[in-house]
Protein backbone atom coordinates (compact mmCIF):
# COMPACT_ATOMS: atom_id res chain seq x y z
CA UNK A 1 -16.31 1.25 4.39
CA UNK A 2 -13.89 -0.13 1.78
CA UNK A 3 -10.20 -0.63 2.43
CA UNK A 4 -8.89 2.54 0.80
CA UNK A 5 -11.56 4.67 2.45
CA UNK A 6 -10.61 3.10 5.76
CA UNK A 7 -6.95 3.92 5.21
CA UNK A 8 -7.77 7.49 4.20
CA UNK A 9 -10.08 8.24 7.16
CA UNK A 10 -8.77 6.33 10.18
CA UNK A 11 -6.64 8.33 12.58
CA UNK A 12 -4.80 7.90 15.86
CA UNK A 13 -5.30 5.81 17.88
CA UNK A 14 -5.35 3.16 15.17
CA UNK A 15 -7.06 -0.16 15.84
CA UNK A 16 -6.68 -3.66 14.47
CA UNK A 17 -9.10 -4.03 11.58
CA UNK A 18 -11.07 -7.28 11.78
CA UNK A 19 -10.75 -9.77 8.96
CA UNK A 20 -13.68 -9.61 6.50
CA UNK A 21 -14.05 -13.40 6.72
CA UNK A 22 -13.69 -16.20 9.27
CA UNK A 23 -10.26 -17.59 10.07
CA UNK A 24 -10.98 -20.85 8.26
CA UNK A 25 -12.38 -19.17 5.13
CA UNK A 26 -9.16 -19.18 3.11
CA UNK A 27 -8.31 -22.82 3.77
CA UNK A 28 -6.69 -24.80 2.26
CA UNK A 29 -4.85 -21.98 0.47
CA UNK A 30 -4.03 -20.17 3.71
CA UNK A 31 -4.65 -22.09 6.89
CA UNK A 32 -6.50 -20.97 10.01
CA UNK A 33 -3.35 -21.11 12.13
CA UNK A 34 -1.50 -18.88 9.69
CA UNK A 35 -4.29 -16.29 9.74
CA UNK A 36 -4.42 -16.18 13.53
CA UNK A 37 -0.65 -15.87 13.70
CA UNK A 38 -0.36 -13.36 10.85
CA UNK A 39 -3.33 -11.11 11.68
CA UNK A 40 -3.68 -11.38 15.46
CA UNK A 41 0.03 -11.34 16.26
CA UNK A 42 2.06 -9.75 13.47
CA UNK A 43 -0.39 -7.12 12.24
CA UNK A 44 -1.56 -6.28 15.75
CA UNK A 45 2.04 -5.61 16.75
CA UNK A 46 2.36 -3.06 13.94
CA UNK A 47 -0.83 -1.34 15.11
CA UNK A 48 0.38 -1.16 18.71
CA UNK A 49 3.85 0.04 17.75
CA UNK A 50 2.42 2.71 15.45
CA UNK A 51 0.26 4.06 18.26
CA UNK A 52 3.18 4.00 20.67
CA UNK A 53 5.35 5.94 18.23
CA UNK A 54 2.68 8.59 17.70
CA UNK A 55 1.45 8.90 21.28
CA UNK A 56 3.77 11.75 22.37
CA UNK A 57 3.42 13.63 19.07
CA UNK A 58 -0.05 15.11 19.41
CA UNK A 59 0.40 17.42 16.41
CA UNK A 60 0.14 14.34 14.18
CA UNK A 61 -2.87 12.67 15.78
CA UNK A 62 -5.26 14.16 13.23
CA UNK A 63 -3.38 12.72 10.25
CA UNK A 64 -4.73 9.66 8.51
CA UNK A 65 -2.53 6.66 7.86
CA UNK A 66 -2.06 7.70 4.24
CA UNK A 67 -1.18 11.26 5.34
CA UNK A 68 1.41 9.93 7.75
CA UNK A 69 3.05 7.75 5.13
CA UNK A 70 3.18 10.54 2.54
CA UNK A 71 4.52 13.12 5.02
CA UNK A 72 7.22 11.16 6.78
CA UNK A 73 9.69 14.02 6.36
CA UNK A 74 7.45 16.21 8.51
CA UNK A 75 7.63 13.82 11.46
CA UNK A 76 10.15 14.24 14.28
CA UNK A 77 13.29 12.19 13.75
CA UNK A 78 12.49 10.22 16.88
CA UNK A 79 9.25 8.95 15.32
CA UNK A 80 10.02 8.83 11.60
CA UNK A 81 11.48 5.33 11.33
CA UNK A 82 8.90 3.76 13.64
CA UNK A 83 6.01 5.33 11.73
CA UNK A 84 7.49 4.32 8.39
CA UNK A 85 7.95 0.71 9.47
CA UNK A 86 4.82 0.21 11.54
CA UNK A 87 2.52 2.50 9.58
CA UNK A 88 3.59 0.69 6.44
CA UNK A 89 2.96 -2.61 8.18
CA UNK A 90 -0.60 -1.57 9.02
CA UNK A 91 -1.27 -0.24 5.51
CA UNK A 92 0.15 -3.25 3.69
CA UNK A 93 -1.62 -5.79 5.87
CA UNK A 94 -4.99 -4.03 5.60
CA UNK A 95 -4.67 -4.08 1.83
CA UNK A 96 -3.49 -7.69 1.72
CA UNK A 97 -6.15 -9.18 3.97
CA UNK A 98 -8.98 -7.19 2.38
CA UNK A 99 -8.30 -8.46 -1.14
CA UNK A 100 -8.55 -12.17 -0.28
CA UNK A 101 -11.66 -14.33 -0.19
CA UNK A 102 -12.89 -17.90 0.16
CA UNK A 103 -11.65 -20.15 -2.69
CA UNK A 104 -15.28 -20.90 -3.60
CA UNK A 105 -16.18 -17.22 -3.94
CA UNK A 106 -15.46 -16.73 -7.62
CA UNK A 107 -15.01 -13.09 -8.61
CA UNK A 108 -13.51 -11.42 -11.65
CA UNK A 109 -12.19 -8.04 -12.76
CA UNK A 110 -14.79 -5.45 -13.68
CA UNK A 111 -15.16 -4.41 -17.29
CA UNK A 112 -13.16 -1.23 -16.74
CA UNK A 113 -10.38 -2.95 -14.81
CA UNK A 114 -10.20 -5.82 -17.29
CA UNK A 115 -9.88 -3.28 -20.10
CA UNK A 116 -6.97 -1.63 -18.27
CA UNK A 117 -5.33 -5.01 -17.61
CA UNK A 118 -5.61 -5.97 -21.27
CA UNK A 119 -4.24 -2.61 -22.38
CA UNK A 120 -1.32 -2.40 -19.95
CA UNK A 121 -0.32 -6.07 -19.62
CA UNK A 122 -1.94 -7.94 -22.49
CA UNK A 123 -4.21 -9.91 -20.17
CA UNK A 124 -4.70 -11.09 -16.60
CA UNK A 125 -2.33 -14.05 -16.95
CA UNK A 126 0.52 -11.79 -18.04
CA UNK A 127 -0.22 -9.34 -15.21
CA UNK A 128 -0.02 -12.15 -12.66
CA UNK A 129 3.14 -13.48 -14.31
CA UNK A 130 4.78 -10.08 -13.86
CA UNK A 131 3.48 -9.83 -10.29
CA UNK A 132 4.91 -13.28 -9.55
CA UNK A 133 8.29 -12.26 -10.95
CA UNK A 134 8.30 -9.21 -8.67
CA UNK A 135 7.26 -11.32 -5.68
CA UNK A 136 9.83 -14.05 -6.25
CA UNK A 137 12.67 -11.65 -6.99
CA UNK A 138 12.12 -9.67 -3.78
CA UNK A 139 15.12 -10.74 -1.70
CA UNK A 140 14.20 -11.36 1.91
CA UNK A 141 11.00 -9.79 3.18
CA UNK A 142 8.69 -7.41 1.35
CA UNK A 143 5.71 -6.95 -0.93
CA UNK A 144 4.70 -6.93 -4.59
CA UNK A 145 1.79 -4.82 -5.83
CA UNK A 146 -0.46 -4.04 -8.73
CA UNK A 147 -0.89 -0.25 -8.67
CA UNK A 148 -2.64 2.36 -10.74
CA UNK A 149 -1.86 5.99 -11.35
CA UNK A 150 -4.59 8.62 -11.19
CA UNK A 151 -5.29 8.12 -14.92
CA UNK A 152 -5.95 4.40 -14.48
CA UNK A 153 -2.68 3.15 -15.97
CA UNK A 154 -1.59 -0.07 -14.24
CA UNK A 155 1.90 -1.23 -13.31
CA UNK A 156 3.76 -3.63 -11.04
CA UNK A 157 6.08 -2.60 -8.22
CA UNK A 158 7.78 -4.14 -5.21
CA UNK A 159 9.00 -2.79 -1.88
CA UNK A 160 11.29 -4.16 0.85
CA UNK A 161 10.31 -4.69 4.47
CA UNK A 162 7.14 -2.66 5.23
CA UNK A 163 7.70 0.17 2.76
CA UNK A 164 4.71 1.19 0.64
CA UNK A 165 4.59 2.41 -2.96
CA UNK A 166 4.74 6.13 -3.64
CA UNK A 167 1.23 7.02 -2.47
CA UNK A 168 1.45 10.51 -3.93
CA UNK A 169 1.46 9.02 -7.43
CA UNK A 170 -0.01 5.53 -7.15
CA UNK A 171 -3.03 3.77 -5.67
CA UNK A 172 -2.24 0.14 -4.72
CA UNK A 173 -4.99 -2.18 -5.93
CA UNK A 174 -3.69 -5.41 -4.42
CA UNK A 175 -0.55 -6.79 -2.84
CA UNK A 176 1.07 -10.10 -2.05
CA UNK A 177 2.92 -10.44 1.24
CA UNK A 178 6.22 -12.26 0.77
CA UNK A 179 7.38 -12.12 4.37
CA UNK A 180 7.88 -15.76 5.36
CA UNK A 181 5.40 -15.52 8.24
CA UNK A 182 2.66 -15.03 5.63
CA UNK A 183 3.10 -18.52 4.23
CA UNK A 184 5.72 -20.59 6.07
CA UNK A 185 3.31 -22.71 8.13
CA UNK A 186 1.48 -23.71 4.94
CA UNK A 187 4.24 -23.74 2.30
CA UNK A 188 7.57 -23.70 4.19
CA UNK A 189 10.14 -22.17 1.81
CA UNK A 190 8.03 -22.73 -1.33
CA UNK A 191 7.25 -19.11 -2.15
CA UNK A 192 6.29 -19.93 -5.80
CA UNK A 193 3.66 -22.42 -4.60
CA UNK A 194 2.30 -19.86 -2.14
CA UNK A 195 2.04 -17.24 -4.87
CA UNK A 196 0.22 -19.57 -7.27
CA UNK A 197 -2.28 -20.50 -4.56
CA UNK A 198 -2.66 -16.86 -3.53
CA UNK A 199 -3.93 -15.93 -7.00
CA UNK A 200 -6.87 -18.35 -6.59
CA UNK A 201 -8.31 -16.47 -3.60
CA UNK A 202 -8.19 -12.91 -4.90
CA UNK A 203 -11.31 -10.89 -4.18
CA UNK A 204 -11.71 -9.03 -7.44
CA UNK A 205 -14.81 -7.27 -6.12
CA UNK A 206 -12.61 -5.39 -3.64
CA UNK A 207 -9.82 -4.87 -6.19
CA UNK A 208 -12.39 -3.41 -8.61
CA UNK A 209 -13.50 -0.92 -5.93
CA UNK A 210 -9.88 0.05 -5.30
CA UNK A 211 -9.44 0.75 -8.99
CA UNK A 212 -12.58 2.86 -9.21
CA UNK A 213 -11.59 4.89 -6.13
CA UNK A 214 -8.30 6.12 -7.58
């Protein structure tokens, strides 16, 4: 099951999705300690808090994660903020972890995705330059994404905290986590260095599937 299918089918109670690689696979770009800390502690907390927020609201147990995040206004006020924050945390982390791979696993955009990148950005380097600008300009904690609309047109966006892009209009293809816990053990405050290293471990095979599933 690919990442977007997982997000669109999983329902309450949500569980911590295992990493698709070993904890030392991303080293030296992202260290084993960072992955244990980031995935096992931070992401797991979002999963647990999301389930806790939804537990008393049985009318929403049949909604998928994507449904929940696109229908926040339908949730009771007592659950809305917790689902927004923690549901977004689960969604963003699933996307982030799934689109990374071992530095030696060289992948590349598919023909159709590369064509869209060339058309909408003028090339992969320019796309990553724009993504880096969005990531570095995000004040405090948040995310930067490459997204597509239903017609396959690509763009860059950024969100604060654990907010997600507008999922009624866009399909996120990949994201970079710019919360400090994602990189501080490996890069301290050097977010630009973290971003540059991050681009060397992108799993384009997964990103290609995300593009085709729009």
